[in-house]
Protein backbone atom coordinates (compact mmCIF):
# COMPACT_ATOMS: atom_id res chain seq x y z
CA PRO A 1 -59.01 -68.84 -51.44
CA PRO A 2 -57.94 -71.74 -53.88
CA THR A 3 -60.55 -74.19 -54.95
CA PRO A 4 -60.24 -77.94 -53.83
CA PHE A 5 -57.85 -79.96 -55.55
CA THR A 6 -60.62 -82.61 -56.23
CA ASP A 7 -62.49 -80.24 -58.49
CA LEU A 8 -59.79 -81.08 -61.17
CA LEU A 9 -60.48 -84.90 -60.81
CA PRO A 10 -62.83 -87.00 -62.61
CA PRO A 11 -65.06 -89.36 -60.98
CA PRO A 12 -63.20 -92.52 -59.74
CA GLU A 13 -65.11 -94.64 -62.25
CA GLN A 14 -63.88 -92.33 -65.08
CA MET A 15 -60.22 -92.48 -64.29
CA TRP A 16 -57.73 -93.62 -66.78
CA LYS A 17 -60.39 -93.64 -69.51
CA GLU A 18 -59.03 -90.79 -71.75
CA ASP A 19 -56.88 -91.78 -74.80
CA SER A 20 -53.84 -89.46 -75.67
CA ALA A 21 -53.47 -90.36 -79.36
CA HIS A 22 -54.26 -86.75 -80.39
CA GLY A 23 -53.20 -84.92 -77.33
CA LEU A 24 -53.44 -84.24 -73.55
CA THR A 25 -56.23 -82.21 -72.06
CA ALA A 26 -57.07 -81.54 -68.46
CA PRO A 27 -58.44 -78.75 -66.36
CA ILE A 28 -56.00 -76.53 -64.52
CA GLY A 29 -58.71 -74.44 -62.46
CA GLU A 30 -61.75 -72.62 -62.84
CA GLY A 31 -62.34 -69.42 -64.88
CA PRO A 32 -64.35 -66.20 -63.96
CA HIS A 33 -67.75 -67.79 -64.81
CA GLY A 34 -66.90 -71.07 -62.94
CA ARG A 35 -66.21 -72.93 -66.21
CA PRO A 36 -63.03 -75.15 -66.22
CA VAL A 37 -59.99 -73.53 -67.82
CA LEU A 38 -58.13 -76.39 -69.94
CA LEU A 39 -54.55 -76.99 -70.69
CA THR A 40 -53.76 -78.89 -73.74
CA LEU A 41 -50.50 -80.43 -75.18
CA GLY A 42 -50.47 -81.83 -78.57
CA ASP A 43 -49.48 -80.88 -82.12
CA TYR A 44 -50.52 -77.38 -81.01
CA PRO A 45 -49.54 -76.18 -78.40
CA PRO A 46 -46.76 -78.64 -78.06
CA HIS A 47 -44.77 -77.28 -75.05
CA ALA A 48 -45.35 -74.99 -72.15
CA LEU A 49 -43.42 -72.32 -70.39
CA ILE A 50 -44.44 -71.49 -66.70
CA GLY A 51 -43.06 -68.45 -64.86
CA GLY A 52 -43.53 -66.47 -61.50
CA PRO A 53 -41.61 -65.11 -58.71
CA SER A 54 -40.90 -67.10 -55.56
CA GLY A 55 -43.94 -67.78 -53.55
CA THR A 56 -46.50 -67.30 -56.26
CA GLY A 57 -47.46 -70.95 -56.63
CA LYS A 58 -45.38 -72.42 -59.55
CA THR A 59 -44.72 -75.90 -57.61
CA ASN A 60 -48.41 -76.05 -56.68
CA LEU A 61 -49.47 -75.31 -60.25
CA ILE A 62 -47.16 -78.09 -61.58
CA PHE A 63 -48.73 -80.39 -59.01
CA ALA A 64 -52.25 -79.50 -59.94
CA TRP A 65 -51.49 -80.11 -63.59
CA ILE A 66 -49.74 -83.50 -63.02
CA GLY A 67 -52.80 -84.68 -61.05
CA ALA A 68 -55.21 -83.73 -63.36
CA LEU A 69 -53.38 -85.45 -66.19
CA ALA A 70 -52.51 -88.54 -64.18
CA ALA A 71 -56.08 -89.08 -63.22
CA ARG A 72 -57.37 -88.94 -66.77
CA TYR A 73 -54.70 -90.87 -68.65
CA SER A 74 -53.41 -94.29 -67.77
CA PRO A 75 -49.47 -95.17 -67.66
CA ALA A 76 -49.84 -96.66 -71.21
CA GLU A 77 -51.13 -93.19 -72.47
CA LEU A 78 -48.71 -90.98 -70.42
CA GLU A 79 -45.42 -90.84 -68.81
CA PHE A 80 -43.66 -88.15 -66.81
CA TYR A 81 -40.10 -87.21 -66.34
CA LEU A 82 -39.31 -84.64 -63.64
CA LEU A 83 -36.25 -82.64 -62.87
CA ASP A 84 -35.87 -80.04 -60.14
CA PHE A 85 -32.80 -77.71 -60.37
CA LYS A 86 -33.71 -75.93 -57.07
CA GLU A 87 -32.73 -77.11 -53.65
CA GLY A 88 -35.68 -78.94 -52.86
CA VAL A 89 -37.38 -82.22 -52.52
CA SER A 90 -41.00 -81.82 -53.35
CA PHE A 91 -40.93 -83.95 -56.38
CA ALA A 92 -39.64 -86.88 -54.55
CA ARG A 93 -43.29 -87.69 -53.35
CA PHE A 94 -44.02 -89.19 -56.79
CA ALA A 95 -41.32 -91.82 -56.34
CA GLN A 96 -41.08 -94.61 -53.95
CA GLY A 97 -39.91 -93.60 -50.49
CA ARG A 98 -38.99 -95.42 -47.25
CA ARG A 99 -41.89 -94.19 -45.40
CA ASP A 100 -44.46 -94.41 -48.22
CA PRO A 101 -44.12 -97.27 -50.72
CA SER A 102 -46.46 -95.74 -53.29
CA TRP A 103 -45.39 -94.03 -56.42
CA LEU A 104 -47.27 -92.42 -59.29
CA PRO A 105 -47.46 -95.23 -61.72
CA HIS A 106 -46.79 -92.53 -64.76
CA MET A 107 -43.64 -91.51 -63.46
CA ARG A 108 -40.38 -92.90 -64.89
CA LEU A 109 -37.85 -90.46 -63.47
CA VAL A 110 -37.67 -88.04 -60.71
CA GLY A 111 -34.54 -85.92 -60.26
CA ILE A 112 -33.95 -83.74 -57.08
CA ASN A 113 -31.12 -81.72 -55.66
CA VAL A 114 -29.56 -81.67 -59.03
CA ASN A 115 -28.47 -78.05 -58.79
CA THR A 116 -24.91 -78.88 -58.88
CA ASP A 117 -25.27 -81.83 -61.16
CA ARG A 118 -26.17 -80.41 -64.54
CA GLU A 119 -25.11 -83.49 -66.24
CA PHE A 120 -28.02 -85.05 -65.21
CA GLY A 121 -30.12 -82.80 -66.82
CA LEU A 122 -28.06 -83.09 -69.97
CA ALA A 123 -28.45 -86.87 -69.48
CA LEU A 124 -32.36 -86.57 -69.50
CA LEU A 125 -32.29 -84.41 -72.73
CA ARG A 126 -29.95 -87.00 -74.41
CA PHE A 127 -32.48 -89.70 -73.32
CA LEU A 128 -35.52 -87.90 -74.74
CA ALA A 129 -33.41 -87.38 -78.04
CA GLU A 130 -32.88 -91.13 -78.24
CA GLU A 131 -36.54 -91.81 -77.48
CA LEU A 132 -37.27 -89.14 -80.26
CA ARG A 133 -35.13 -90.94 -82.79
CA ARG A 134 -36.67 -94.26 -81.82
CA ARG A 135 -40.20 -92.98 -82.57
CA ALA A 136 -39.09 -91.22 -85.77
CA ASP A 137 -37.57 -94.30 -87.00
CA ALA A 138 -40.80 -96.33 -86.16
CA ALA A 139 -42.79 -93.81 -88.00
CA LYS A 140 -40.66 -93.78 -91.00
CA LYS A 141 -40.80 -97.67 -91.06
CA HIS A 142 -44.63 -97.50 -90.86
CA GLU A 143 -44.67 -94.57 -93.48
CA VAL A 144 -46.41 -92.28 -91.10
CA THR A 145 -45.46 -88.75 -89.51
CA LYS A 146 -47.32 -88.18 -86.25
CA LEU A 147 -47.76 -90.25 -83.16
CA ALA A 148 -51.63 -90.67 -83.66
CA GLU A 149 -50.89 -92.21 -86.99
CA LEU A 150 -47.95 -94.46 -85.56
CA ARG A 151 -50.38 -95.79 -82.79
CA ALA A 152 -53.07 -96.60 -85.54
CA VAL A 153 -50.77 -98.65 -87.54
CA ASP A 154 -48.81 -100.15 -84.49
CA PRO A 155 -51.49 -100.69 -81.79
CA THR A 156 -49.37 -103.26 -79.77
CA GLY A 157 -46.28 -100.78 -79.63
CA HIS A 158 -45.57 -98.82 -76.57
CA TRP A 159 -46.23 -95.20 -77.58
CA PRO A 160 -47.40 -93.07 -74.58
CA ARG A 161 -47.09 -89.24 -74.69
CA ILE A 162 -44.08 -88.08 -72.77
CA VAL A 163 -44.14 -84.99 -70.61
CA ALA A 164 -40.83 -83.85 -69.23
CA VAL A 165 -41.00 -81.06 -66.53
CA VAL A 166 -37.81 -79.12 -65.87
CA ASP A 167 -38.05 -76.71 -62.85
CA GLU A 168 -35.49 -73.76 -62.72
CA PHE A 169 -34.43 -74.95 -66.20
CA GLN A 170 -32.03 -72.05 -66.51
CA ALA A 171 -29.56 -73.82 -64.61
CA LEU A 172 -28.97 -76.13 -67.57
CA LEU A 173 -28.26 -73.06 -69.67
CA ALA A 174 -26.10 -71.08 -67.31
CA GLY A 175 -22.37 -70.59 -68.40
CA ARG A 176 -20.75 -71.02 -71.73
CA ASP A 177 -19.37 -74.43 -71.16
CA VAL A 178 -20.05 -77.75 -73.12
CA VAL A 179 -22.95 -78.66 -70.98
CA ALA A 180 -24.85 -75.33 -71.65
CA ARG A 181 -24.16 -75.67 -75.37
CA GLU A 182 -25.19 -79.22 -75.87
CA ALA A 183 -28.22 -78.84 -73.53
CA ALA A 184 -29.44 -75.68 -75.66
CA ASP A 185 -28.88 -77.66 -78.90
CA LEU A 186 -30.96 -80.58 -77.46
CA LEU A 187 -33.76 -78.62 -76.11
CA GLU A 188 -34.14 -76.81 -79.55
CA ASP A 189 -34.29 -80.15 -81.43
CA LEU A 190 -36.73 -81.75 -78.93
CA ALA A 191 -38.99 -78.65 -78.97
CA ARG A 192 -38.87 -78.68 -82.79
CA ARG A 193 -39.50 -82.19 -83.56
CA GLY A 194 -40.86 -83.57 -80.44
CA ARG A 195 -44.42 -82.36 -80.95
CA SER A 196 -45.08 -84.77 -83.74
CA GLN A 197 -43.75 -87.80 -81.84
CA GLY A 198 -45.71 -86.96 -78.50
CA ILE A 199 -42.72 -85.76 -76.47
CA HIS A 200 -43.56 -82.54 -74.71
CA LEU A 201 -41.39 -80.13 -72.66
CA VAL A 202 -42.72 -77.95 -69.59
CA LEU A 203 -39.99 -75.52 -68.61
CA ALA A 204 -40.58 -73.57 -65.42
CA SER A 205 -38.80 -70.61 -63.70
CA GLN A 206 -39.02 -68.32 -60.88
CA ASP A 207 -36.34 -66.15 -62.12
CA VAL A 208 -36.74 -63.62 -64.93
CA ARG A 209 -33.21 -64.64 -65.84
CA GLY A 210 -34.41 -68.03 -66.52
CA ILE A 211 -36.73 -66.88 -69.35
CA GLU A 212 -34.07 -64.54 -70.72
CA ALA A 213 -31.73 -67.45 -70.97
CA LEU A 214 -34.06 -68.38 -73.70
CA TRP A 215 -34.45 -65.18 -75.50
CA GLY A 216 -31.22 -65.51 -77.44
CA ARG A 217 -32.81 -68.50 -79.25
CA PRO A 218 -35.99 -67.38 -80.93
CA ALA A 219 -36.56 -70.61 -82.66
CA LEU A 220 -36.45 -72.37 -79.42
CA VAL A 221 -38.83 -69.94 -77.66
CA ALA A 222 -41.32 -69.96 -80.72
CA GLN A 223 -42.19 -73.48 -80.00
CA PHE A 224 -43.44 -72.88 -76.31
CA THR A 225 -46.74 -71.46 -77.48
CA LEU A 226 -48.49 -72.38 -74.15
CA ARG A 227 -47.57 -69.76 -71.63
CA ILE A 228 -48.61 -69.86 -67.83
CA ALA A 229 -47.93 -66.60 -65.90
CA LEU A 230 -48.28 -66.58 -62.33
CA PRO A 231 -48.80 -63.25 -60.28
CA LYS A 232 -46.11 -60.67 -61.09
CA ALA A 233 -44.47 -62.99 -63.57
CA LEU A 234 -42.13 -61.17 -66.19
CA ARG A 235 -41.34 -61.86 -69.82
CA ILE A 236 -43.63 -64.99 -69.95
CA LEU A 237 -46.28 -63.28 -71.88
CA ALA A 238 -45.96 -61.09 -74.94
CA GLU A 239 -44.18 -57.82 -74.41
CA ARG A 240 -47.29 -55.62 -73.97
CA ASN A 241 -49.28 -58.19 -72.23
CA ASP A 242 -49.43 -57.27 -68.45
CA ALA A 243 -52.14 -59.33 -67.37
CA ALA A 244 -50.17 -61.36 -64.96
CA GLN A 245 -49.11 -57.95 -62.92
CA ALA A 246 -52.46 -57.68 -61.25
CA LEU A 247 -53.32 -61.25 -60.68
CA PRO A 248 -54.49 -62.20 -57.11
CA LYS A 249 -52.75 -65.16 -55.19
CA TYR A 250 -53.93 -68.70 -56.46
CA HIS A 251 -54.53 -67.35 -59.97
CA ALA A 252 -52.54 -67.62 -63.33
CA VAL A 253 -52.92 -66.46 -66.68
CA VAL A 254 -53.15 -69.32 -69.18
CA ASN A 255 -52.25 -68.46 -72.72
CA ALA A 256 -52.04 -70.86 -75.83
CA GLU A 257 -51.25 -68.04 -78.26
CA SER A 258 -47.41 -67.37 -77.39
CA GLY A 259 -48.65 -64.80 -74.87
CA MET A 260 -50.63 -62.54 -77.05
CA THR A 261 -53.03 -60.64 -75.24
CA GLU A 262 -56.01 -62.02 -77.10
CA GLY A 263 -55.11 -65.48 -75.76
CA ASN A 264 -55.51 -64.64 -72.10
CA GLU A 265 -57.62 -66.84 -69.78
CA VAL A 266 -57.35 -66.39 -66.08
CA ALA A 267 -57.75 -69.38 -63.97
CA ARG A 268 -58.22 -69.96 -60.18
CA ILE A 269 -55.70 -72.77 -59.36
CA PRO A 270 -56.58 -75.26 -56.55
CA SER A 271 -54.31 -76.16 -53.64
CA ALA A 272 -52.49 -79.33 -54.69
CA SER A 273 -48.87 -79.09 -53.11
CA ASP A 274 -49.56 -80.49 -49.66
CA TRP A 275 -49.07 -84.15 -49.12
CA GLU A 276 -52.37 -84.79 -47.53
CA THR A 277 -54.29 -83.56 -50.67
CA TRP A 278 -52.07 -85.68 -52.95
CA SER A 279 -51.93 -88.86 -50.91
CA GLU A 280 -55.26 -90.07 -51.64
CA LEU A 281 -55.01 -89.59 -55.48
CA GLN A 282 -51.53 -91.18 -55.45
CA HIS A 283 -52.54 -94.30 -53.47
CA ARG A 284 -55.68 -94.70 -55.50
CA LEU A 285 -53.64 -94.72 -58.75
CA TRP A 286 -51.02 -96.83 -57.40
CA ARG A 287 -53.49 -99.59 -56.60
CA MET A 288 -54.71 -99.36 -60.21
CA ARG A 289 -51.19 -99.82 -61.53
CA PRO A 290 -50.30 -102.61 -63.97
CA ALA A 291 -48.96 -105.82 -62.40
CA ASP A 292 -45.56 -105.30 -64.06
CA ALA A 293 -45.08 -101.60 -63.21
CA ALA A 294 -41.76 -100.66 -61.83
CA PRO A 295 -41.09 -97.75 -59.57
CA ALA A 296 -39.75 -94.52 -60.90
CA ARG A 297 -35.96 -93.91 -60.86
CA LEU A 298 -35.34 -91.37 -58.05
CA PHE A 299 -31.98 -89.54 -58.62
CA ASP A 300 -31.20 -87.51 -55.31
CA GLY A 301 -28.01 -85.52 -56.03
CA ASP A 302 -27.53 -85.31 -52.18
CA ALA A 303 -27.55 -89.10 -51.87
CA VAL A 304 -24.54 -91.55 -52.14
CA PRO A 305 -25.23 -94.41 -53.98
CA ARG A 306 -24.42 -98.01 -52.56
CA LEU A 307 -22.47 -100.59 -54.61
CA THR A 308 -24.64 -103.48 -53.63
CA ASP A 309 -27.78 -101.56 -54.81
CA ALA A 310 -26.30 -101.00 -58.41
CA PRO A 311 -27.77 -103.20 -61.05
CA ASP A 312 -24.66 -103.72 -62.96
CA PHE A 313 -22.91 -104.85 -59.69
CA ARG A 314 -25.75 -107.37 -58.95
CA ALA A 315 -25.41 -108.69 -62.45
CA LEU A 316 -21.84 -109.74 -61.99
CA THR A 317 -21.24 -113.57 -61.39
CA PRO A 318 -18.08 -115.74 -61.48
CA ALA A 319 -16.95 -116.67 -64.99
CA ALA A 320 -16.98 -120.35 -65.74
CA GLY A 321 -13.30 -120.32 -66.52
CA ASP A 322 -10.62 -118.63 -64.70
CA ALA A 323 -11.66 -115.35 -65.88
CA PRO A 324 -14.31 -113.60 -68.22
CA PRO A 325 -13.57 -114.03 -71.85
CA ARG A 326 -13.45 -110.20 -72.47
CA GLY A 327 -11.65 -109.43 -69.51
CA PRO A 328 -13.22 -108.63 -66.11
CA VAL A 329 -14.89 -105.33 -65.27
CA ALA A 330 -13.94 -103.02 -62.42
CA LEU A 331 -16.93 -100.81 -61.28
CA LEU A 332 -15.85 -97.24 -60.03
CA GLY A 333 -19.03 -95.25 -59.40
CA GLU A 334 -22.45 -94.40 -60.64
CA ILE A 335 -22.56 -92.47 -63.94
CA ILE A 336 -24.86 -89.31 -63.82
CA ASP A 337 -27.39 -90.67 -66.23
CA VAL A 338 -31.02 -91.72 -66.54
CA GLN A 339 -30.54 -95.54 -66.14
CA ALA A 340 -28.15 -95.48 -62.90
CA ARG A 341 -25.60 -97.37 -64.83
CA SER A 342 -22.04 -97.94 -63.36
CA ALA A 343 -18.96 -96.52 -64.84
CA ALA A 344 -16.94 -99.78 -65.83
CA LEU A 345 -13.40 -100.12 -66.54
CA ARG A 346 -12.74 -103.47 -68.47
CA LEU A 347 -9.37 -105.20 -67.76
CA PRO A 348 -8.51 -107.51 -70.75
CA ARG A 349 -4.98 -108.68 -71.53
CA ALA A 350 -4.01 -105.55 -73.36
CA PRO A 351 -1.32 -102.77 -72.84
CA GLY A 352 -2.32 -99.73 -70.55
CA ARG A 353 -5.17 -101.52 -68.67
CA ASN A 354 -4.52 -99.91 -65.41
CA LEU A 355 -6.20 -97.20 -63.25
CA ALA A 356 -5.04 -94.20 -61.75
CA VAL A 357 -7.09 -92.38 -59.08
CA LEU A 358 -6.10 -88.73 -58.69
CA GLY A 359 -6.69 -86.17 -55.89
CA THR A 360 -6.32 -85.67 -52.18
CA ARG A 361 -9.86 -86.70 -50.89
CA VAL A 362 -9.17 -89.78 -49.08
CA ASP A 363 -12.73 -91.10 -48.48
CA GLU A 364 -13.53 -90.62 -52.17
CA ALA A 365 -10.31 -92.26 -53.33
CA CYS A 366 -10.83 -95.17 -50.97
CA ALA A 367 -14.48 -95.60 -52.27
CA VAL A 368 -13.39 -95.85 -55.87
CA LEU A 369 -10.73 -98.48 -55.17
CA ASP A 370 -13.12 -100.36 -52.82
CA ALA A 371 -15.93 -100.72 -55.45
CA ALA A 372 -13.36 -101.73 -58.15
CA ALA A 373 -11.93 -104.43 -55.92
CA ARG A 374 -15.27 -105.79 -54.68
CA SER A 375 -16.68 -105.83 -58.22
CA LEU A 376 -13.75 -107.74 -59.57
CA ALA A 377 -13.95 -110.12 -56.64
CA ARG A 378 -17.50 -111.04 -57.69
CA GLN A 379 -16.48 -112.11 -60.99
CA HIS A 380 -13.67 -114.58 -59.71
CA ARG A 381 -14.42 -117.84 -57.63
CA PRO A 382 -12.49 -118.08 -54.34
CA GLY A 383 -8.91 -118.86 -55.12
CA ALA A 384 -9.10 -117.79 -58.72
CA ALA A 385 -7.51 -114.32 -58.39
CA ARG A 386 -4.95 -112.60 -56.28
CA TYR A 387 -5.42 -109.18 -54.50
CA SER A 388 -2.35 -107.37 -53.19
CA ILE A 389 -3.46 -104.30 -50.97
CA ALA A 390 -0.89 -101.81 -50.15
CA CYS A 391 -2.05 -98.90 -47.68
CA LEU A 392 0.51 -96.16 -47.47
CA ASP A 393 -1.50 -93.45 -45.90
CA PRO A 394 -2.77 -93.87 -42.25
CA ASP A 395 -5.90 -92.24 -43.04
CA ALA A 396 -6.85 -94.77 -45.71
CA ASP A 397 -6.08 -97.55 -43.34
CA PRO A 398 -9.75 -98.39 -42.17
CA ALA A 399 -11.08 -98.67 -45.76
CA ALA A 400 -8.09 -100.43 -47.03
CA ARG A 401 -8.18 -103.12 -43.96
CA ALA A 402 -11.83 -103.60 -44.29
CA LEU A 403 -11.45 -104.50 -47.97
CA TYR A 404 -8.52 -106.69 -47.11
CA GLU A 405 -10.48 -108.74 -44.34
CA ASP A 406 -13.42 -108.98 -46.84
CA LEU A 407 -11.29 -110.54 -49.57
CA ALA A 408 -9.94 -113.12 -47.05
CA ASP A 409 -7.67 -115.85 -48.20
CA ASP A 410 -7.11 -114.23 -51.66
CA ALA A 411 -5.75 -110.95 -50.24
CA ALA A 412 -2.11 -110.00 -49.17
CA TRP A 413 -1.44 -106.77 -47.05
CA TYR A 414 1.49 -104.49 -47.64
CA ASP A 415 2.54 -101.35 -45.97
CA GLU A 416 5.35 -98.66 -46.61
CA GLU A 417 8.04 -101.19 -45.20
CA THR A 418 6.90 -104.13 -47.17
CA VAL A 419 5.54 -102.58 -50.45
CA PRO A 420 9.24 -102.79 -52.02
CA GLU A 421 8.71 -106.65 -51.69
CA LEU A 422 5.47 -106.54 -53.48
CA MET A 423 7.25 -104.77 -56.43
CA ALA A 424 10.01 -107.08 -56.42
CA GLU A 425 7.76 -110.26 -56.15
CA THR A 426 5.51 -109.08 -59.04
CA THR A 427 8.27 -108.17 -61.52
CA GLU A 428 9.88 -111.59 -60.74
CA ALA A 429 6.61 -113.27 -61.61
CA LEU A 430 6.24 -111.24 -64.79
CA GLY A 431 9.78 -112.50 -65.93
CA ARG A 432 8.77 -116.14 -65.80
CA PRO A 433 7.80 -117.72 -69.29
CA GLY A 434 4.14 -118.19 -70.02
CA THR A 435 0.93 -116.38 -69.00
CA PRO A 436 0.26 -116.64 -65.28
CA ALA A 437 -2.95 -118.75 -64.64
CA THR A 438 -4.18 -116.63 -61.97
CA PRO A 439 -5.19 -112.84 -62.32
CA HIS A 440 -3.27 -110.41 -60.15
CA TYR A 441 -4.70 -106.93 -59.01
CA LEU A 442 -2.55 -104.57 -57.09
CA PHE A 443 -4.48 -102.06 -55.01
CA LEU A 444 -2.11 -99.18 -53.91
CA PHE A 445 -3.61 -96.68 -51.53
CA ALA A 446 -1.64 -93.35 -51.62
CA VAL A 447 1.21 -94.93 -53.46
CA ASP A 448 3.11 -91.69 -53.98
CA ALA A 449 3.47 -91.81 -49.97
CA ALA A 450 6.00 -94.59 -50.53
CA ALA A 451 8.17 -92.77 -52.99
CA GLY A 452 11.09 -92.76 -50.54
CA ALA A 453 10.79 -96.41 -49.85
CA LEU A 454 10.36 -97.23 -53.47
CA SER A 455 13.30 -95.05 -54.50
CA ARG A 456 15.71 -97.44 -52.94
CA GLY A 457 16.31 -100.82 -54.64
CA THR A 458 18.10 -104.00 -54.99
CA GLY A 459 19.96 -105.66 -57.89
CA GLY A 460 20.39 -102.14 -59.60
CA ARG A 461 16.57 -101.56 -59.76
CA SER A 462 14.53 -99.50 -57.44
CA GLY A 463 10.93 -99.95 -56.39
CA LEU A 464 9.83 -97.17 -58.70
CA ASP A 465 11.65 -98.96 -61.52
CA ARG A 466 9.68 -102.05 -60.70
CA LEU A 467 6.32 -100.26 -60.66
CA ARG A 468 6.98 -98.86 -64.05
CA ARG A 469 7.66 -102.46 -65.30
CA ILE A 470 4.59 -103.70 -63.81
CA LEU A 471 2.49 -100.95 -65.33
CA HIS A 472 4.00 -101.45 -68.77
CA ASP A 473 4.24 -105.07 -68.85
CA GLY A 474 1.84 -106.25 -66.46
CA PRO A 475 -1.72 -105.92 -68.18
CA GLU A 476 -0.68 -108.51 -70.89
CA ARG A 477 0.09 -111.00 -68.25
CA ARG A 478 -3.00 -110.50 -66.34
CA THR A 479 -1.45 -108.13 -63.85
CA HIS A 480 -3.16 -104.94 -63.21
CA VAL A 481 -2.45 -101.83 -61.07
CA LEU A 482 -5.20 -99.68 -59.67
CA ALA A 483 -3.48 -97.13 -57.69
CA TRP A 484 -4.32 -93.74 -55.97
CA TRP A 485 -1.91 -90.89 -56.26
CA ARG A 486 -2.60 -87.83 -54.24
CA GLY A 487 -1.90 -85.54 -57.32
CA VAL A 488 -1.09 -85.42 -61.02
CA ALA A 489 2.57 -84.07 -60.41
CA ARG A 490 3.02 -86.94 -57.80
CA MET A 491 1.93 -89.60 -60.38
CA ARG A 492 4.21 -88.22 -63.14
CA ALA A 493 7.18 -88.21 -60.56
CA ASP A 494 6.58 -91.97 -59.88
CA LEU A 495 6.36 -92.53 -63.61
CA GLY A 496 9.64 -90.88 -64.38
CA GLY A 497 9.29 -87.09 -64.08
CA PRO A 498 7.24 -84.43 -65.77
CA ALA A 499 8.12 -85.70 -69.28
CA ALA A 500 7.21 -89.25 -68.60
CA ARG A 501 5.01 -91.12 -70.73
CA THR A 502 1.48 -91.92 -69.19
CA ASP A 503 0.14 -94.24 -71.76
CA GLN A 504 0.52 -97.11 -69.25
CA ILE A 505 -2.27 -95.54 -67.31
CA GLY A 506 -5.21 -96.28 -69.62
CA ALA A 507 -7.90 -95.01 -67.35
CA TRP A 508 -8.19 -92.43 -64.65
CA VAL A 509 -10.51 -90.96 -62.22
CA ALA A 510 -9.90 -87.41 -61.23
CA LEU A 511 -11.33 -86.07 -57.89
CA ASP A 512 -10.28 -82.75 -56.55
CA VAL A 513 -8.00 -82.07 -59.57
CA GLN A 514 -8.51 -79.11 -61.96
CA GLY A 515 -9.19 -79.89 -65.52
CA GLY A 516 -6.01 -78.03 -66.48
CA GLU A 517 -3.87 -80.39 -64.78
CA LEU A 518 -5.26 -83.33 -66.62
CA GLY A 519 -4.19 -81.95 -70.22
CA SER A 520 -1.35 -83.05 -72.36
CA SER A 521 -0.65 -86.84 -72.31
CA LEU A 522 -3.63 -87.63 -70.00
CA TYR A 523 -6.60 -86.38 -72.19
CA PRO A 524 -6.99 -85.91 -76.00
CA GLY A 525 -6.70 -82.27 -77.25
CA THR A 526 -5.13 -79.43 -75.47
CA GLY A 527 -6.04 -77.72 -72.27
CA GLY A 528 -7.39 -80.82 -70.62
CA PRO A 529 -11.11 -81.50 -69.93
CA ASP A 530 -13.92 -79.04 -69.02
CA TRP A 531 -13.82 -80.24 -65.19
CA TYR A 532 -14.34 -78.41 -62.05
CA PRO A 533 -14.19 -80.57 -58.95
CA ARG A 534 -17.01 -80.82 -56.47
CA PRO A 535 -17.56 -82.88 -53.41
CA TRP A 536 -18.20 -86.66 -53.86
CA ARG A 537 -17.83 -86.41 -57.74
CA GLY A 538 -15.20 -87.64 -60.09
CA LEU A 539 -14.26 -87.57 -63.68
CA PHE A 540 -13.69 -90.98 -65.28
CA PHE A 541 -11.84 -91.14 -68.43
CA ASP A 542 -10.81 -94.36 -70.27
CA ARG A 543 -8.75 -94.05 -73.28
CA ALA A 544 -9.95 -97.12 -74.68
CA VAL A 545 -13.57 -96.32 -74.97
CA HIS A 546 -14.20 -92.45 -74.14
CA ARG A 547 -13.92 -89.47 -76.19
CA THR A 548 -14.69 -87.17 -73.19
CA GLY A 549 -14.77 -87.71 -69.60
CA GLN A 550 -17.79 -89.22 -67.65
CA VAL A 551 -18.72 -87.58 -64.47
CA ILE A 552 -19.35 -90.25 -61.78
CA ILE A 553 -20.56 -90.58 -58.09
CA PRO A 554 -18.30 -92.79 -55.98
CA TYR A 555 -20.17 -95.42 -54.26
CA GLY A 556 -20.51 -95.16 -50.60
CA PRO A 557 -18.57 -97.26 -48.02
CA SER A 558 -19.45 -100.96 -48.37
CA ARG A 559 -19.31 -101.64 -44.77
């Protein structure tokens, strides 16, 4: 049977007494003679590789290690970043929840249900790479090379050791796309240079293919000198080291010599994965947390974020004048990144500052336009902006009407019969001398559905002609179109046909549209972006600021 989890913990009066300047050391279990088996992360060994088939206790081992470290080192000495690529929520207990307000004070990021959001894993690696650069710059400034030396010369700085745990990491490296290539390059750089700056990687996999994903990069594998093999684990230890094959349950081979046989230590691992076992420790450490401690960021790939919870939305306020000096910002969704930032489209007086939402998914398209409208309205005082809402698809009516009602006296409603009037009124306003005093935002829901009504015209000009004029001339006169088209071909038809210029569409969000459809004039280079649609995700591209598209999560309904 497993030993008690409490065997790994120091006495309460000794918690948070250890110093991490030279490394992190904690017991993971007991050896054959009852002595503790220690795991160390530092200059050597710098990183760890954990492997074992499903059901052999990989998650339990990770929990035991986290608990043993968190009990010894304070949040000033140690920070954790956790990412779980399997379909599970076990890591969520370390973050603040609805039923339990506690969180592990060392935890800065917890990512769960990210098996379809490899971009989030890439975002974590980019974040760690930036932290590595920050630490390297500080070390260079102080003319030192290692974390211990940096902490000695800069005692007031915040230089904890960082442990990043990625469970089922092979998901990041799967495929031959840009995400896999960049992730592998970042992993290799972090593994090579992270040791001297106190950034440690712990990669875990239950699938032998996960370990094999590393084998084509010997320089990367060589940095993972700490190997932990659970019963029946393959390819974690050196080629002729089969010590894991005969292990009983609740045991692991710990090897700090790159898996060579002479480095084997067998440890009996305590039971640490059930919540009752963890709860007492987490609540004790939570009560010890610093007064200014912030909860960990929890990213749940299955959850839909709310606009009203977004920090960038909360920070928006009405401008002192009639509009923000750099132009107002339309928030479109949450970027898949570590900081929970919003995808933002700035709308200054400049050509092309219009938005196209592309795809057939009604709820998602409505969500993008709804967030854009509500975030723009938050930056204008009542009466300081106009919002024209045209709903041309009955399925979008509930969302469009809720938005219209909430914008109250500043909004006007149009449908298929009256949308030609909107085009005529707006182009007439653009023809008047001077710059309009009031910004005008046109939110067009399924504008392609009105192609028939807009193809008719008056005065020798059709509604589509007027729409093109608004797209071309409007932004410089504080008139911006934010429109949803139910396909790229439909948008091109409204703009004048397959060969029509699209530079008046300065930004777009693609929903269930294949990357190949977005090539040519909508995206730099040839062939379009590397984008494969998936539910409640979009690809955002702004010609003015982006080199590549950003994957975003549309915000949930505001009502």
